[in-house]
Amino acid sequence: MTAPAPVRIGVLGTHSTGKTTLLKRIEMELRSHGVTVARTGRLAKRAAGIGLPKMQHHTQMSTEWIICQSAADEFAAVAQGAQVVLADRAVHDAFAYYTAALEFRGEHPDPMEKERLLLLAATQAPKYDLLLATVLDPGIPVDQGHDYDARYRSLVDQHVHGLLRDEQLEHLRVTSDADSKTSAIQLAVEAGMKAVAA
């Protein structure tokens, strides 16, 4: 008898909209039910650590690295026996950050390269059982420790949700409202528990 396929849950959204906190809460809840969970992330920081630009400076190369590394991290988590994989930045997130960076800088991508990156992200999309997309609430201030450009942050939010719409990727919008977050956590936990029980 083969083990059930792991559940993959990905989160997308602009920076400082609670993606990591949301996944931490889902992870804690699943672990309390005895589920083996792996959480991937810190991709932009890791990219910067090897000399690749991030945020509004994203390039084709940094975007491709993040997409590929995200997929590799998820594969590694599955190989190590995780029943649920929580992806902090599902692959399409990187593409949205890139297109937002291009708009921010007033640049136009090479159409072939843009299509290639989108296809690269699309190859991973079917592997997600649930996508959660955080929504920017301009009324909530950014943490004091971060020096984020407000215009770029807003552009990322627009590009993330525009991409999800254009690519017709099924997802749940998660606002800053406590009930919205609670619903997202409940849905994610239910998805994780179903896979374990299968």
C-alpha atoms as a PDB file:
ATOM      1  CA  MET A   1       0.000   0.000   0.000  1.00  0.00           C
ATOM      2  CA  THR A   2       1.453   3.364  -1.068  1.00  0.00           C
ATOM      3  CA  ALA A   3       1.293   6.429   1.147  1.00  0.00           C
ATOM      4  CA  PRO A   4      -1.187   9.140   0.119  1.00  0.00           C
ATOM      5  CA  ALA A   5       0.212  11.982  -1.939  1.00  0.00           C
ATOM      6  CA  PRO A   6       1.210  14.945   0.232  1.00  0.00           C
ATOM      7  CA  VAL A   7      -0.983  18.007   0.251  1.00  0.00           C
ATOM      8  CA  ARG A   8       0.656  21.165  -1.075  1.00  0.00           C
ATOM      9  CA  ILE A   9      -0.636  24.517   0.073  1.00  0.00           C
ATOM     10  CA  GLY A  10       0.876  27.672  -1.396  1.00  0.00           C
ATOM     11  CA  VAL A  11       0.546  31.290  -0.380  1.00  0.00           C
ATOM     12  CA  LEU A  12       0.988  34.347  -2.596  1.00  0.00           C
ATOM     13  CA  GLY A  13       0.787  38.060  -1.933  1.00  0.00           C
ATOM     14  CA  THR A  14       2.731  41.245  -1.623  1.00  0.00           C
ATOM     15  CA  HIS A  15       5.201  41.710   1.232  1.00  0.00           C
ATOM     16  CA  SER A  16       4.032  42.296   4.804  1.00  0.00           C
ATOM     17  CA  THR A  17       0.503  41.020   4.235  1.00  0.00           C
ATOM     18  CA  GLY A  18       0.813  38.140   6.677  1.00  0.00           C
ATOM     19  CA  LYS A  19       1.816  35.243   4.389  1.00  0.00           C
ATOM     20  CA  THR A  20       4.397  33.740   6.734  1.00  0.00           C
ATOM     21  CA  THR A  21       2.279  34.296   9.849  1.00  0.00           C
ATOM     22  CA  LEU A  22      -0.693  32.631   8.149  1.00  0.00           C
ATOM     23  CA  LEU A  23       1.373  29.568   7.240  1.00  0.00           C
ATOM     24  CA  LYS A  24       2.828  29.366  10.747  1.00  0.00           C
ATOM     25  CA  ARG A  25      -0.683  29.229  12.174  1.00  0.00           C
ATOM     26  CA  ILE A  26      -1.693  26.523   9.676  1.00  0.00           C
ATOM     27  CA  GLU A  27       1.464  24.577  10.511  1.00  0.00           C
ATOM     28  CA  MET A  28       0.820  24.753  14.272  1.00  0.00           C
ATOM     29  CA  GLU A  29      -2.756  23.605  13.827  1.00  0.00           C
ATOM     30  CA  LEU A  30      -1.801  20.660  11.603  1.00  0.00           C
ATOM     31  CA  ARG A  31       1.044  19.612  13.903  1.00  0.00           C
ATOM     32  CA  SER A  32      -1.363  19.608  16.843  1.00  0.00           C
ATOM     33  CA  HIS A  33      -3.290  16.909  14.953  1.00  0.00           C
ATOM     34  CA  GLY A  34      -0.142  14.842  14.452  1.00  0.00           C
ATOM     35  CA  VAL A  35       0.420  15.814  10.810  1.00  0.00           C
ATOM     36  CA  THR A  36       3.987  15.922   9.487  1.00  0.00           C
ATOM     37  CA  VAL A  37       4.432  19.403   8.004  1.00  0.00           C
ATOM     38  CA  ALA A  38       7.245  21.075   6.073  1.00  0.00           C
ATOM     39  CA  ARG A  39       7.276  24.802   5.388  1.00  0.00           C
ATOM     40  CA  THR A  40       9.424  26.280   2.620  1.00  0.00           C
ATOM     41  CA  GLY A  41      10.376  29.929   2.235  1.00  0.00           C
ATOM     42  CA  ARG A  42      12.905  32.740   2.636  1.00  0.00           C
ATOM     43  CA  LEU A  43      13.507  32.560  -1.111  1.00  0.00           C
ATOM     44  CA  ALA A  44      14.113  36.258  -1.767  1.00  0.00           C
ATOM     45  CA  LYS A  45      16.602  36.428   1.098  1.00  0.00           C
ATOM     46  CA  ARG A  46      18.374  33.323  -0.164  1.00  0.00           C
ATOM     47  CA  ALA A  47      18.474  34.748  -3.692  1.00  0.00           C
ATOM     48  CA  ALA A  48      20.040  37.951  -2.364  1.00  0.00           C
ATOM     49  CA  GLY A  49      22.541  35.811  -0.471  1.00  0.00           C
ATOM     50  CA  ILE A  50      23.950  34.507  -3.744  1.00  0.00           C
ATOM     51  CA  GLY A  51      24.022  37.939  -5.338  1.00  0.00           C
ATOM     52  CA  LEU A  52      20.655  38.006  -7.113  1.00  0.00           C
ATOM     53  CA  PRO A  53      18.523  41.168  -6.919  1.00  0.00           C
ATOM     54  CA  LYS A  54      15.178  41.212  -5.136  1.00  0.00           C
ATOM     55  CA  MET A  55      12.063  43.328  -4.653  1.00  0.00           C
ATOM     56  CA  GLN A  56      11.785  46.168  -7.194  1.00  0.00           C
ATOM     57  CA  HIS A  57      15.169  45.147  -8.619  1.00  0.00           C
ATOM     58  CA  HIS A  58      14.019  41.649  -9.681  1.00  0.00           C
ATOM     59  CA  THR A  59      15.346  40.410 -13.001  1.00  0.00           C
ATOM     60  CA  GLN A  60      14.571  37.496 -15.280  1.00  0.00           C
ATOM     61  CA  MET A  61      17.439  35.573 -13.687  1.00  0.00           C
ATOM     62  CA  SER A  62      16.388  36.135 -10.055  1.00  0.00           C
ATOM     63  CA  THR A  63      12.797  35.254 -10.922  1.00  0.00           C
ATOM     64  CA  GLU A  64      13.785  32.033 -12.651  1.00  0.00           C
ATOM     65  CA  TRP A  65      16.019  31.079  -9.713  1.00  0.00           C
ATOM     66  CA  ILE A  66      13.175  31.630  -7.223  1.00  0.00           C
ATOM     67  CA  ILE A  67      10.671  29.627  -9.298  1.00  0.00           C
ATOM     68  CA  CYS A  68      13.087  26.715  -9.682  1.00  0.00           C
ATOM     69  CA  GLN A  69      14.272  26.833  -6.068  1.00  0.00           C
ATOM     70  CA  SER A  70      10.696  26.948  -4.809  1.00  0.00           C
ATOM     71  CA  ALA A  71       9.854  23.810  -6.785  1.00  0.00           C
ATOM     72  CA  ALA A  72      13.071  22.111  -5.610  1.00  0.00           C
ATOM     73  CA  ASP A  73      12.332  22.939  -1.959  1.00  0.00           C
ATOM     74  CA  GLU A  74       8.849  21.482  -2.277  1.00  0.00           C
ATOM     75  CA  PHE A  75      10.226  18.304  -3.897  1.00  0.00           C
ATOM     76  CA  ALA A  76      12.756  17.969  -1.076  1.00  0.00           C
ATOM     77  CA  ALA A  77      10.034  18.314   1.550  1.00  0.00           C
ATOM     78  CA  VAL A  78       8.011  15.566  -0.127  1.00  0.00           C
ATOM     79  CA  ALA A  79      11.088  13.331  -0.394  1.00  0.00           C
ATOM     80  CA  GLN A  80      11.691  13.791   3.333  1.00  0.00           C
ATOM     81  CA  GLY A  81       8.221  12.483   4.151  1.00  0.00           C
ATOM     82  CA  ALA A  82       6.106  15.578   4.734  1.00  0.00           C
ATOM     83  CA  GLN A  83       2.387  14.864   4.652  1.00  0.00           C
ATOM     84  CA  VAL A  84       1.650  18.547   4.068  1.00  0.00           C
ATOM     85  CA  VAL A  85       3.967  21.029   2.330  1.00  0.00           C
ATOM     86  CA  LEU A  86       3.344  24.719   3.039  1.00  0.00           C
ATOM     87  CA  ALA A  87       4.963  26.855   0.334  1.00  0.00           C
ATOM     88  CA  ASP A  88       5.703  30.376   1.532  1.00  0.00           C
ATOM     89  CA  ARG A  89       5.597  31.937  -1.946  1.00  0.00           C
ATOM     90  CA  ALA A  90       3.961  29.618  -4.439  1.00  0.00           C
ATOM     91  CA  VAL A  91       5.751  29.723  -7.796  1.00  0.00           C
ATOM     92  CA  HIS A  92       3.440  32.261  -9.491  1.00  0.00           C
ATOM     93  CA  ASP A  93       4.275  34.724  -6.712  1.00  0.00           C
ATOM     94  CA  ALA A  94       7.790  35.154  -8.129  1.00  0.00           C
ATOM     95  CA  PHE A  95       6.432  35.938 -11.586  1.00  0.00           C
ATOM     96  CA  ALA A  96       4.102  38.602 -10.177  1.00  0.00           C
ATOM     97  CA  TYR A  97       6.968  40.198  -8.231  1.00  0.00           C
ATOM     98  CA  TYR A  98       8.992  40.300 -11.455  1.00  0.00           C
ATOM     99  CA  THR A  99       6.295  41.887 -13.622  1.00  0.00           C
ATOM    100  CA  ALA A 100       5.574  44.399 -10.846  1.00  0.00           C
ATOM    101  CA  ALA A 101       9.288  45.264 -10.728  1.00  0.00           C
ATOM    102  CA  LEU A 102       9.334  45.840 -14.471  1.00  0.00           C
ATOM    103  CA  GLU A 103       6.335  48.178 -14.260  1.00  0.00           C
ATOM    104  CA  PHE A 104       7.892  49.957 -11.287  1.00  0.00           C
ATOM    105  CA  ARG A 105      11.069  50.601 -13.322  1.00  0.00           C
ATOM    106  CA  GLY A 106       9.163  51.494 -16.491  1.00  0.00           C
ATOM    107  CA  GLU A 107      10.701  48.575 -18.386  1.00  0.00           C
ATOM    108  CA  HIS A 108       9.193  46.146 -20.869  1.00  0.00           C
ATOM    109  CA  PRO A 109      10.197  42.476 -20.793  1.00  0.00           C
ATOM    110  CA  ASP A 110      11.224  40.454 -23.785  1.00  0.00           C
ATOM    111  CA  PRO A 111       7.887  38.783 -24.718  1.00  0.00           C
ATOM    112  CA  MET A 112       9.539  35.403 -25.280  1.00  0.00           C
ATOM    113  CA  GLU A 113      11.311  35.499 -21.895  1.00  0.00           C
ATOM    114  CA  LYS A 114       8.139  36.589 -20.124  1.00  0.00           C
ATOM    115  CA  GLU A 115       6.187  33.738 -21.713  1.00  0.00           C
ATOM    116  CA  ARG A 116       8.927  31.254 -20.840  1.00  0.00           C
ATOM    117  CA  LEU A 117       8.890  32.282 -17.165  1.00  0.00           C
ATOM    118  CA  LEU A 118       5.120  32.067 -17.051  1.00  0.00           C
ATOM    119  CA  LEU A 119       5.212  28.586 -18.587  1.00  0.00           C
ATOM    120  CA  LEU A 120       7.851  27.560 -16.053  1.00  0.00           C
ATOM    121  CA  ALA A 121       5.566  28.634 -13.216  1.00  0.00           C
ATOM    122  CA  ALA A 122       2.565  27.002 -14.880  1.00  0.00           C
ATOM    123  CA  THR A 123       4.243  23.585 -14.843  1.00  0.00           C
ATOM    124  CA  GLN A 124       4.103  23.633 -11.032  1.00  0.00           C
ATOM    125  CA  ALA A 125       0.597  25.082 -10.598  1.00  0.00           C
ATOM    126  CA  PRO A 126      -1.298  21.738 -10.778  1.00  0.00           C
ATOM    127  CA  LYS A 127       0.699  20.422  -7.826  1.00  0.00           C
ATOM    128  CA  TYR A 128      -0.965  22.820  -5.384  1.00  0.00           C
ATOM    129  CA  ASP A 129      -4.067  21.526  -3.656  1.00  0.00           C
ATOM    130  CA  LEU A 130      -4.861  24.966  -2.264  1.00  0.00           C
ATOM    131  CA  LEU A 131      -3.649  28.478  -3.040  1.00  0.00           C
ATOM    132  CA  LEU A 132      -4.132  31.301  -0.547  1.00  0.00           C
ATOM    133  CA  ALA A 133      -3.681  34.862  -1.801  1.00  0.00           C
ATOM    134  CA  THR A 134      -3.260  37.610   0.783  1.00  0.00           C
ATOM    135  CA  VAL A 135      -4.765  41.002  -0.015  1.00  0.00           C
ATOM    136  CA  LEU A 136      -2.997  44.289   0.706  1.00  0.00           C
ATOM    137  CA  ASP A 137      -4.706  46.487   3.294  1.00  0.00           C
ATOM    138  CA  PRO A 138      -3.162  49.959   2.846  1.00  0.00           C
ATOM    139  CA  GLY A 139      -4.502  50.967   6.256  1.00  0.00           C
ATOM    140  CA  ILE A 140      -2.166  48.576   8.062  1.00  0.00           C
ATOM    141  CA  PRO A 141       1.338  50.053   8.429  1.00  0.00           C
ATOM    142  CA  VAL A 142       4.423  48.052   7.452  1.00  0.00           C
ATOM    143  CA  ASP A 143       6.694  46.827  10.244  1.00  0.00           C
ATOM    144  CA  GLN A 144       9.136  49.563  11.263  1.00  0.00           C
ATOM    145  CA  GLY A 145      12.108  47.300  10.540  1.00  0.00           C
ATOM    146  CA  HIS A 146      11.336  47.160   6.810  1.00  0.00           C
ATOM    147  CA  ASP A 147      12.121  49.859   4.285  1.00  0.00           C
ATOM    148  CA  TYR A 148       9.542  48.932   1.651  1.00  0.00           C
ATOM    149  CA  ASP A 149       8.580  51.121  -1.271  1.00  0.00           C
ATOM    150  CA  ALA A 150       4.811  51.678  -0.951  1.00  0.00           C
ATOM    151  CA  ARG A 151       4.264  51.975  -4.716  1.00  0.00           C
ATOM    152  CA  TYR A 152       6.091  48.737  -5.456  1.00  0.00           C
ATOM    153  CA  ARG A 153       4.246  46.950  -2.668  1.00  0.00           C
ATOM    154  CA  SER A 154       0.936  48.049  -4.185  1.00  0.00           C
ATOM    155  CA  LEU A 155       2.042  47.014  -7.683  1.00  0.00           C
ATOM    156  CA  VAL A 156       2.919  43.525  -6.445  1.00  0.00           C
ATOM    157  CA  ASP A 157      -0.554  43.208  -4.927  1.00  0.00           C
ATOM    158  CA  GLN A 158      -2.117  44.214  -8.252  1.00  0.00           C
ATOM    159  CA  HIS A 159       0.089  41.846 -10.251  1.00  0.00           C
ATOM    160  CA  VAL A 160      -0.489  38.874  -7.934  1.00  0.00           C
ATOM    161  CA  HIS A 161      -4.262  39.127  -8.104  1.00  0.00           C
ATOM    162  CA  GLY A 162      -4.255  40.020 -11.800  1.00  0.00           C
ATOM    163  CA  LEU A 163      -2.119  36.977 -12.563  1.00  0.00           C
ATOM    164  CA  LEU A 164      -4.370  34.661 -10.567  1.00  0.00           C
ATOM    165  CA  ARG A 165      -7.359  36.022 -12.468  1.00  0.00           C
ATOM    166  CA  ASP A 166      -5.750  35.909 -15.914  1.00  0.00           C
ATOM    167  CA  GLU A 167      -4.383  32.389 -15.453  1.00  0.00           C
ATOM    168  CA  GLN A 168      -7.696  31.278 -13.901  1.00  0.00           C
ATOM    169  CA  LEU A 169      -5.924  29.770 -10.909  1.00  0.00           C
ATOM    170  CA  GLU A 170      -8.403  28.711  -8.259  1.00  0.00           C
ATOM    171  CA  HIS A 171      -7.535  30.366  -4.964  1.00  0.00           C
ATOM    172  CA  LEU A 172      -8.899  31.833  -1.758  1.00  0.00           C
ATOM    173  CA  ARG A 173      -8.452  35.548  -1.136  1.00  0.00           C
ATOM    174  CA  VAL A 174      -7.297  36.249   2.416  1.00  0.00           C
ATOM    175  CA  THR A 175      -7.864  39.761   3.707  1.00  0.00           C
ATOM    176  CA  SER A 176      -6.574  41.347   6.898  1.00  0.00           C
ATOM    177  CA  ASP A 177      -9.950  40.602   8.528  1.00  0.00           C
ATOM    178  CA  ALA A 178      -9.674  38.059  11.353  1.00  0.00           C
ATOM    179  CA  ASP A 179     -12.611  36.012  10.031  1.00  0.00           C
ATOM    180  CA  SER A 180     -10.987  35.782   6.600  1.00  0.00           C
ATOM    181  CA  LYS A 181      -7.769  34.477   8.128  1.00  0.00           C
ATOM    182  CA  THR A 182      -9.649  32.012  10.323  1.00  0.00           C
ATOM    183  CA  SER A 183     -11.551  30.688   7.292  1.00  0.00           C
ATOM    184  CA  ALA A 184      -8.305  30.253   5.347  1.00  0.00           C
ATOM    185  CA  ILE A 185      -6.678  28.367   8.227  1.00  0.00           C
ATOM    186  CA  GLN A 186      -9.724  26.133   8.623  1.00  0.00           C
ATOM    187  CA  LEU A 187      -9.816  25.332   4.900  1.00  0.00           C
ATOM    188  CA  ALA A 188      -6.091  24.556   4.851  1.00  0.00           C
ATOM    189  CA  VAL A 189      -6.317  22.323   7.913  1.00  0.00           C
ATOM    190  CA  GLU A 190      -9.297  20.464   6.430  1.00  0.00           C
ATOM    191  CA  ALA A 191      -7.332  19.895   3.210  1.00  0.00           C
ATOM    192  CA  GLY A 192      -4.352  18.606   5.162  1.00  0.00           C
ATOM    193  CA  MET A 193      -6.402  16.315   7.346  1.00  0.00           C
ATOM    194  CA  LYS A 194      -8.238  14.772   4.378  1.00  0.00           C
ATOM    195  CA  ALA A 195      -4.956  13.779   2.789  1.00  0.00           C
ATOM    196  CA  VAL A 196      -3.693  12.177   5.972  1.00  0.00           C
ATOM    197  CA  ALA A 197      -6.917  10.226   6.379  1.00  0.00           C
ATOM    198  CA  ALA A 198      -6.888   9.006   2.741  1.00  0.00           C
END
